[in-house]
Protein backbone atom coordinates (compact mmCIF):
# COMPACT_ATOMS: atom_id res chain seq x y z
CA UNK A 1 0.00 0.00 0.00
CA UNK A 2 1.24 3.49 -0.79
CA UNK A 3 -0.19 6.89 -0.05
CA UNK A 4 0.59 10.46 -0.95
CA UNK A 5 1.06 12.66 2.13
CA UNK A 6 -1.89 14.86 1.20
CA UNK A 7 -4.40 14.98 -1.63
CA UNK A 8 -3.68 18.70 -1.85
CA UNK A 9 -0.01 17.93 -2.61
CA UNK A 10 -0.79 15.28 -5.22
CA UNK A 11 -0.61 15.87 -8.94
CA UNK A 12 -2.50 14.35 -11.84
CA UNK A 13 -1.24 10.81 -12.38
CA UNK A 14 -0.01 10.32 -8.80
CA UNK A 15 -0.97 7.05 -7.17
CA UNK A 16 -2.55 7.84 -3.80
CA UNK A 17 -3.60 4.40 -2.62
CA UNK A 18 -3.11 0.79 -3.62
CA UNK A 19 -4.20 -2.38 -1.93
CA UNK A 20 -5.48 -5.87 -2.52
CA UNK A 21 -8.45 -7.66 -0.98
CA UNK A 22 -8.78 -11.41 -0.83
CA UNK A 23 -12.43 -12.42 -1.14
CA UNK A 24 -13.52 -15.83 0.08
CA UNK A 25 -16.86 -17.57 -0.19
CA UNK A 26 -17.37 -16.86 3.52
CA UNK A 27 -17.15 -13.12 2.71
CA UNK A 28 -19.97 -13.52 0.20
CA UNK A 29 -22.14 -15.26 2.78
CA UNK A 30 -21.42 -12.53 5.33
CA UNK A 31 -22.18 -9.80 2.79
CA UNK A 32 -25.40 -11.53 1.71
CA UNK A 33 -26.53 -11.74 5.32
CA UNK A 34 -25.63 -8.11 6.06
CA UNK A 35 -27.14 -6.70 2.86
CA UNK A 36 -30.14 -8.99 2.50
CA UNK A 37 -29.05 -9.88 -1.05
CA UNK A 38 -29.48 -13.64 -0.99
CA UNK A 39 -29.37 -14.10 -4.77
CA UNK A 40 -28.10 -17.67 -5.26
CA UNK A 41 -25.54 -16.60 -7.90
CA UNK A 42 -23.46 -15.43 -4.94
CA UNK A 43 -23.51 -18.70 -2.98
CA UNK A 44 -24.72 -21.65 -5.04
CA UNK A 45 -22.26 -22.97 -7.66
CA UNK A 46 -24.84 -25.12 -9.41
CA UNK A 47 -27.31 -22.26 -9.71
CA UNK A 48 -24.63 -19.80 -10.86
CA UNK A 49 -23.55 -22.19 -13.62
CA UNK A 50 -27.17 -22.88 -14.60
CA UNK A 51 -27.59 -19.19 -15.49
CA UNK A 52 -24.39 -19.06 -17.54
CA UNK A 53 -21.86 -17.87 -14.98
CA UNK A 54 -18.52 -19.66 -14.65
CA UNK A 55 -18.95 -20.04 -10.86
CA UNK A 56 -20.20 -18.11 -7.85
CA UNK A 57 -19.62 -14.36 -8.20
CA UNK A 58 -19.15 -11.58 -5.67
CA UNK A 59 -21.92 -9.06 -5.21
CA UNK A 60 -21.30 -6.05 -7.42
CA UNK A 61 -22.03 -3.76 -4.51
CA UNK A 62 -19.43 -5.60 -2.41
CA UNK A 63 -16.81 -4.87 -5.07
CA UNK A 64 -17.98 -1.27 -5.27
CA UNK A 65 -17.84 -1.06 -1.49
CA UNK A 66 -14.16 -2.04 -1.53
CA UNK A 67 -13.52 0.98 -3.73
CA UNK A 68 -15.68 3.26 -1.58
CA UNK A 69 -13.69 2.19 1.48
CA UNK A 70 -10.40 2.96 -0.26
CA UNK A 71 -11.70 6.35 -1.40
CA UNK A 72 -12.80 7.15 2.16
CA UNK A 73 -9.34 6.24 3.45
CA UNK A 74 -7.57 8.30 0.79
CA UNK A 75 -9.93 11.23 1.43
CA UNK A 76 -8.72 11.26 5.06
CA UNK A 77 -11.86 12.78 6.55
CA UNK A 78 -12.69 15.05 3.63
CA UNK A 79 -16.14 14.99 2.07
CA UNK A 80 -16.60 12.63 -0.87
CA UNK A 81 -18.84 14.67 -3.16
CA UNK A 82 -19.57 11.93 -5.68
CA UNK A 83 -18.74 8.34 -6.48
CA UNK A 84 -19.65 6.45 -9.64
CA UNK A 85 -18.72 3.27 -11.45
CA UNK A 86 -19.87 0.77 -14.05
CA UNK A 87 -19.49 -2.96 -13.71
CA UNK A 88 -17.23 -4.44 -16.38
CA UNK A 89 -16.85 -8.10 -15.40
CA UNK A 90 -17.97 -10.36 -12.58
CA UNK A 91 -15.62 -11.20 -9.73
CA UNK A 92 -15.60 -15.00 -9.76
CA UNK A 93 -14.91 -16.40 -6.29
CA UNK A 94 -13.79 -20.04 -6.44
CA UNK A 95 -14.29 -22.43 -3.56
CA UNK A 96 -11.33 -23.07 -1.29
CA UNK A 97 -9.00 -21.21 0.97
CA UNK A 98 -7.44 -19.07 -1.78
CA UNK A 99 -10.56 -17.27 -2.95
CA UNK A 100 -9.78 -14.42 -5.32
CA UNK A 101 -7.58 -11.35 -5.03
CA UNK A 102 -9.05 -7.99 -6.03
CA UNK A 103 -6.42 -5.34 -6.80
CA UNK A 104 -7.28 -1.68 -6.37
CA UNK A 105 -5.25 1.41 -7.27
CA UNK A 106 -6.42 5.01 -6.79
CA UNK A 107 -4.79 7.75 -8.85
CA UNK A 108 -5.35 11.47 -9.21
CA UNK A 109 -7.33 12.03 -12.42
CA UNK A 110 -7.87 15.77 -12.06
CA UNK A 111 -7.54 18.67 -9.67
CA UNK A 112 -9.69 21.79 -9.68
CA UNK A 113 -8.36 24.45 -7.36
CA UNK A 114 -11.23 26.86 -8.09
CA UNK A 115 -13.83 24.21 -7.18
CA UNK A 116 -11.69 22.85 -4.37
CA UNK A 117 -11.86 19.27 -5.62
CA UNK A 118 -9.66 16.34 -6.49
CA UNK A 119 -10.93 13.59 -8.77
CA UNK A 120 -9.74 10.06 -8.07
CA UNK A 121 -9.84 7.22 -10.58
CA UNK A 122 -9.91 3.65 -9.33
CA UNK A 123 -8.39 0.79 -11.31
CA UNK A 124 -9.99 -2.41 -10.02
CA UNK A 125 -8.93 -5.77 -11.40
CA UNK A 126 -8.76 -9.50 -10.80
CA UNK A 127 -5.84 -11.37 -12.37
CA UNK A 128 -5.26 -8.45 -14.73
CA UNK A 129 -8.90 -8.24 -15.86
CA UNK A 130 -10.67 -4.96 -15.18
CA UNK A 131 -13.84 -5.59 -13.15
CA UNK A 132 -15.03 -1.98 -12.82
CA UNK A 133 -15.07 0.74 -15.48
CA UNK A 134 -15.06 4.45 -14.85
CA UNK A 135 -14.76 4.06 -11.09
CA UNK A 136 -14.35 7.69 -10.10
CA UNK A 137 -14.76 9.80 -6.98
CA UNK A 138 -14.68 13.54 -6.47
CA UNK A 139 -13.33 14.68 -3.10
CA UNK A 140 -13.74 18.18 -1.68
CA UNK A 141 -10.40 19.45 -0.45
């Protein structure tokens, strides 16, 4: 993990946060119970495959939540004015102790001194495959 001392000191292109998250099937069960999203594509291999998925997949909002958490950390108490993304590919979570590793990197996409904002782009991938598109947050500085 790496961080820039302050978002106000960062320049366009600077990496301000990077991390990985290992998701296990148990995480999907916990998320389903907490969120109320009990869709069987997130827990039942046979069902997931019957609807054309390669295996059980993580909840899209769980993946988005990983990014939101990283943005909140990078914002360091500042207000997050907006946060958007589009889902690009499912996060397949195989059975077993290894699960899947989700890589996340936040970079400065733009700064606007007159508006007092910094725009962060998030690159989110699994095994080199982008799983979110246009993951972007605007932070008031």
